[in-house]
Amino acid sequence: VQLQASGGGLVQAGGSLRLSCAVSGRTFSLYGAGWFRQAPGKERDFVAAISGNSITTYYAASVKGRFTISRDNAENALYLQMNTLKVDDTAIYYCALSPYGPAREGSAYLYWGQGTLVTVSS
């Protein structure tokens, strides 16, 4: 399984971005999926997660109400819609797959993408 994240870029505070994660392999729907981020000089943090059937979603408190995670199993794709972006959202964003369903802990994820940089300017 390989993951390729894209969609990052430079945006002003208050703006929006949509991240995508293309997943290779035929069993995407069997995995929970998540987004994590790592800001410069900080540890990697959980952002959002979604179950294989999209019924269950989890969000970090800092992004709840602004970010929306979704997936398209037919297209083997994971998305993160980010609205009302803040300077503190600046980070490298990583997509990941978990065989244990959606999870907030990075240790639950087996496959990781390479990351896409999101920079929010003031």
C-alpha atoms as a PDB file:
ATOM      1  CA  VAL A   1       0.000   0.000   0.000  1.00  0.00           C
ATOM      2  CA  GLN A   2       1.300   3.453  -0.922  1.00  0.00           C
ATOM      3  CA  LEU A   3      -0.107   6.853  -0.032  1.00  0.00           C
ATOM      4  CA  GLN A   4       0.500  10.117  -1.883  1.00  0.00           C
ATOM      5  CA  ALA A   5      -0.649  13.332  -0.232  1.00  0.00           C
ATOM      6  CA  SER A   6      -1.198  16.510  -2.221  1.00  0.00           C
ATOM      7  CA  GLY A   7      -2.993  19.835  -2.107  1.00  0.00           C
ATOM      8  CA  GLY A   8      -0.812  21.758   0.292  1.00  0.00           C
ATOM      9  CA  GLY A   9       0.318  25.287  -0.370  1.00  0.00           C
ATOM     10  CA  LEU A  10       0.411  28.862   0.869  1.00  0.00           C
ATOM     11  CA  VAL A  11      -2.853  30.440   1.969  1.00  0.00           C
ATOM     12  CA  GLN A  12      -3.817  33.494   3.974  1.00  0.00           C
ATOM     13  CA  ALA A  13      -5.405  33.160   7.371  1.00  0.00           C
ATOM     14  CA  GLY A  14      -9.135  32.651   7.004  1.00  0.00           C
ATOM     15  CA  GLY A  15      -8.733  30.861   3.713  1.00  0.00           C
ATOM     16  CA  SER A  16      -9.368  27.252   2.716  1.00  0.00           C
ATOM     17  CA  LEU A  17      -7.455  24.320   1.307  1.00  0.00           C
ATOM     18  CA  ARG A  18      -8.416  20.782   0.393  1.00  0.00           C
ATOM     19  CA  LEU A  19      -5.859  18.059   0.894  1.00  0.00           C
ATOM     20  CA  SER A  20      -6.052  14.800  -1.014  1.00  0.00           C
ATOM     21  CA  CYS A  21      -4.419  11.446  -0.417  1.00  0.00           C
ATOM     22  CA  ALA A  22      -4.290   8.913  -3.218  1.00  0.00           C
ATOM     23  CA  VAL A  23      -4.005   5.332  -1.993  1.00  0.00           C
ATOM     24  CA  SER A  24      -2.769   2.397  -4.004  1.00  0.00           C
ATOM     25  CA  GLY A  25      -4.072  -1.099  -3.362  1.00  0.00           C
ATOM     26  CA  ARG A  26      -7.430  -2.839  -3.475  1.00  0.00           C
ATOM     27  CA  THR A  27      -8.304  -2.927   0.207  1.00  0.00           C
ATOM     28  CA  PHE A  28      -8.575   0.785   1.019  1.00  0.00           C
ATOM     29  CA  SER A  29     -12.128   0.410   2.332  1.00  0.00           C
ATOM     30  CA  LEU A  30     -10.965  -2.030   4.997  1.00  0.00           C
ATOM     31  CA  TYR A  31      -8.722   0.542   6.685  1.00  0.00           C
ATOM     32  CA  GLY A  32      -9.409   3.387   8.971  1.00  0.00           C
ATOM     33  CA  ALA A  33      -7.747   6.528   7.666  1.00  0.00           C
ATOM     34  CA  GLY A  34      -6.392   9.616   9.292  1.00  0.00           C
ATOM     35  CA  TRP A  35      -4.600  12.896   8.908  1.00  0.00           C
ATOM     36  CA  PHE A  36      -1.795  14.014  11.161  1.00  0.00           C
ATOM     37  CA  ARG A  37       0.360  17.123  11.107  1.00  0.00           C
ATOM     38  CA  GLN A  38       3.757  18.186  12.311  1.00  0.00           C
ATOM     39  CA  ALA A  39       4.644  21.827  12.796  1.00  0.00           C
ATOM     40  CA  PRO A  40       8.290  22.968  12.770  1.00  0.00           C
ATOM     41  CA  GLY A  41      10.022  21.965  15.984  1.00  0.00           C
ATOM     42  CA  LYS A  42       6.971  20.141  17.313  1.00  0.00           C
ATOM     43  CA  GLU A  43       5.775  16.579  17.593  1.00  0.00           C
ATOM     44  CA  ARG A  44       3.357  15.019  15.171  1.00  0.00           C
ATOM     45  CA  ASP A  45      -0.264  15.623  16.186  1.00  0.00           C
ATOM     46  CA  PHE A  46      -3.528  13.933  15.344  1.00  0.00           C
ATOM     47  CA  VAL A  47      -5.884  15.972  13.158  1.00  0.00           C
ATOM     48  CA  ALA A  48      -8.763  13.756  12.025  1.00  0.00           C
ATOM     49  CA  ALA A  49      -9.712  10.143  11.385  1.00  0.00           C
ATOM     50  CA  ILE A  50     -12.469   8.292   9.557  1.00  0.00           C
ATOM     51  CA  SER A  51     -13.703   4.705   9.529  1.00  0.00           C
ATOM     52  CA  GLY A  52     -13.675   2.545   6.432  1.00  0.00           C
ATOM     53  CA  ASN A  53     -17.398   3.051   5.850  1.00  0.00           C
ATOM     54  CA  SER A  54     -17.236   6.792   6.687  1.00  0.00           C
ATOM     55  CA  ILE A  55     -19.728   6.402   9.527  1.00  0.00           C
ATOM     56  CA  THR A  56     -17.304   7.311  12.302  1.00  0.00           C
ATOM     57  CA  THR A  57     -15.122  10.399  12.346  1.00  0.00           C
ATOM     58  CA  TYR A  58     -12.862  11.901  14.987  1.00  0.00           C
ATOM     59  CA  TYR A  59     -11.333  15.357  15.133  1.00  0.00           C
ATOM     60  CA  ALA A  60      -8.770  17.094  17.243  1.00  0.00           C
ATOM     61  CA  ALA A  61     -10.350  19.810  19.349  1.00  0.00           C
ATOM     62  CA  SER A  62      -8.244  22.439  17.606  1.00  0.00           C
ATOM     63  CA  VAL A  63      -9.751  21.717  14.182  1.00  0.00           C
ATOM     64  CA  LYS A  64     -13.278  20.569  15.011  1.00  0.00           C
ATOM     65  CA  GLY A  65     -15.821  22.676  13.184  1.00  0.00           C
ATOM     66  CA  ARG A  66     -13.242  23.942  10.684  1.00  0.00           C
ATOM     67  CA  PHE A  67     -11.873  20.763   9.103  1.00  0.00           C
ATOM     68  CA  THR A  68     -13.812  17.906   7.497  1.00  0.00           C
ATOM     69  CA  ILE A  69     -12.377  14.492   6.731  1.00  0.00           C
ATOM     70  CA  SER A  70     -13.937  12.369   4.011  1.00  0.00           C
ATOM     71  CA  ARG A  71     -13.085   9.470   1.743  1.00  0.00           C
ATOM     72  CA  ASP A  72     -14.117   7.971  -1.570  1.00  0.00           C
ATOM     73  CA  ASN A  73     -13.503   4.236  -1.468  1.00  0.00           C
ATOM     74  CA  ALA A  74     -14.347   3.829  -5.152  1.00  0.00           C
ATOM     75  CA  GLU A  75     -11.566   6.272  -6.007  1.00  0.00           C
ATOM     76  CA  ASN A  76      -9.169   5.094  -3.255  1.00  0.00           C
ATOM     77  CA  ALA A  77      -8.955   8.651  -2.009  1.00  0.00           C
ATOM     78  CA  LEU A  78      -8.900  10.409   1.328  1.00  0.00           C
ATOM     79  CA  TYR A  79      -9.612  14.114   1.747  1.00  0.00           C
ATOM     80  CA  LEU A  80      -9.262  16.854   4.314  1.00  0.00           C
ATOM     81  CA  GLN A  81     -11.242  20.035   3.719  1.00  0.00           C
ATOM     82  CA  MET A  82      -9.712  22.815   5.780  1.00  0.00           C
ATOM     83  CA  ASN A  83     -11.657  26.037   6.272  1.00  0.00           C
ATOM     84  CA  THR A  84     -11.023  29.166   8.304  1.00  0.00           C
ATOM     85  CA  LEU A  85      -7.335  28.359   8.398  1.00  0.00           C
ATOM     86  CA  LYS A  86      -5.187  29.852  11.126  1.00  0.00           C
ATOM     87  CA  VAL A  87      -1.473  30.563  11.300  1.00  0.00           C
ATOM     88  CA  ASP A  88      -1.233  27.765  13.884  1.00  0.00           C
ATOM     89  CA  ASP A  89      -2.409  25.280  11.236  1.00  0.00           C
ATOM     90  CA  THR A  90       0.929  25.663   9.456  1.00  0.00           C
ATOM     91  CA  ALA A  91       2.507  22.207   9.296  1.00  0.00           C
ATOM     92  CA  ILE A  92       3.346  19.249   7.144  1.00  0.00           C
ATOM     93  CA  TYR A  93       0.194  17.165   6.829  1.00  0.00           C
ATOM     94  CA  TYR A  94       0.401  13.380   6.577  1.00  0.00           C
ATOM     95  CA  CYS A  95      -2.232  10.857   5.587  1.00  0.00           C
ATOM     96  CA  ALA A  96      -2.152   7.372   7.062  1.00  0.00           C
ATOM     97  CA  LEU A  97      -4.030   4.059   7.140  1.00  0.00           C
ATOM     98  CA  SER A  98      -4.875   1.986  10.192  1.00  0.00           C
ATOM     99  CA  PRO A  99      -5.885  -1.695  10.137  1.00  0.00           C
ATOM    100  CA  TYR A 100      -7.573  -1.105  13.516  1.00  0.00           C
ATOM    101  CA  GLY A 101     -10.118   1.422  12.283  1.00  0.00           C
ATOM    102  CA  PRO A 102     -10.070   5.159  12.965  1.00  0.00           C
ATOM    103  CA  ALA A 103      -7.707   6.111  15.766  1.00  0.00           C
ATOM    104  CA  ARG A 104      -6.229   9.191  17.388  1.00  0.00           C
ATOM    105  CA  GLU A 105      -2.899   7.515  18.102  1.00  0.00           C
ATOM    106  CA  GLY A 106      -0.247   7.510  15.443  1.00  0.00           C
ATOM    107  CA  SER A 107       0.951   4.117  16.637  1.00  0.00           C
ATOM    108  CA  ALA A 108      -2.267   2.573  15.278  1.00  0.00           C
ATOM    109  CA  TYR A 109      -1.351   3.500  11.712  1.00  0.00           C
ATOM    110  CA  LEU A 110       0.583   1.124   9.544  1.00  0.00           C
ATOM    111  CA  TYR A 111       0.969   3.044   6.290  1.00  0.00           C
ATOM    112  CA  TRP A 112       1.977   6.693   5.906  1.00  0.00           C
ATOM    113  CA  GLY A 113       2.190   9.145   3.035  1.00  0.00           C
ATOM    114  CA  GLN A 114       5.099  11.488   2.471  1.00  0.00           C
ATOM    115  CA  GLY A 115       3.365  14.647   3.644  1.00  0.00           C
ATOM    116  CA  THR A 116       2.260  17.891   2.063  1.00  0.00           C
ATOM    117  CA  LEU A 117       3.185  21.324   3.401  1.00  0.00           C
ATOM    118  CA  VAL A 118       0.496  23.776   4.409  1.00  0.00           C
ATOM    119  CA  THR A 119       1.609  27.312   5.188  1.00  0.00           C
ATOM    120  CA  VAL A 120      -0.883  29.825   6.549  1.00  0.00           C
ATOM    121  CA  SER A 121       0.204  33.448   6.503  1.00  0.00           C
ATOM    122  CA  SER A 122      -1.188  36.222   8.678  1.00  0.00           C
END
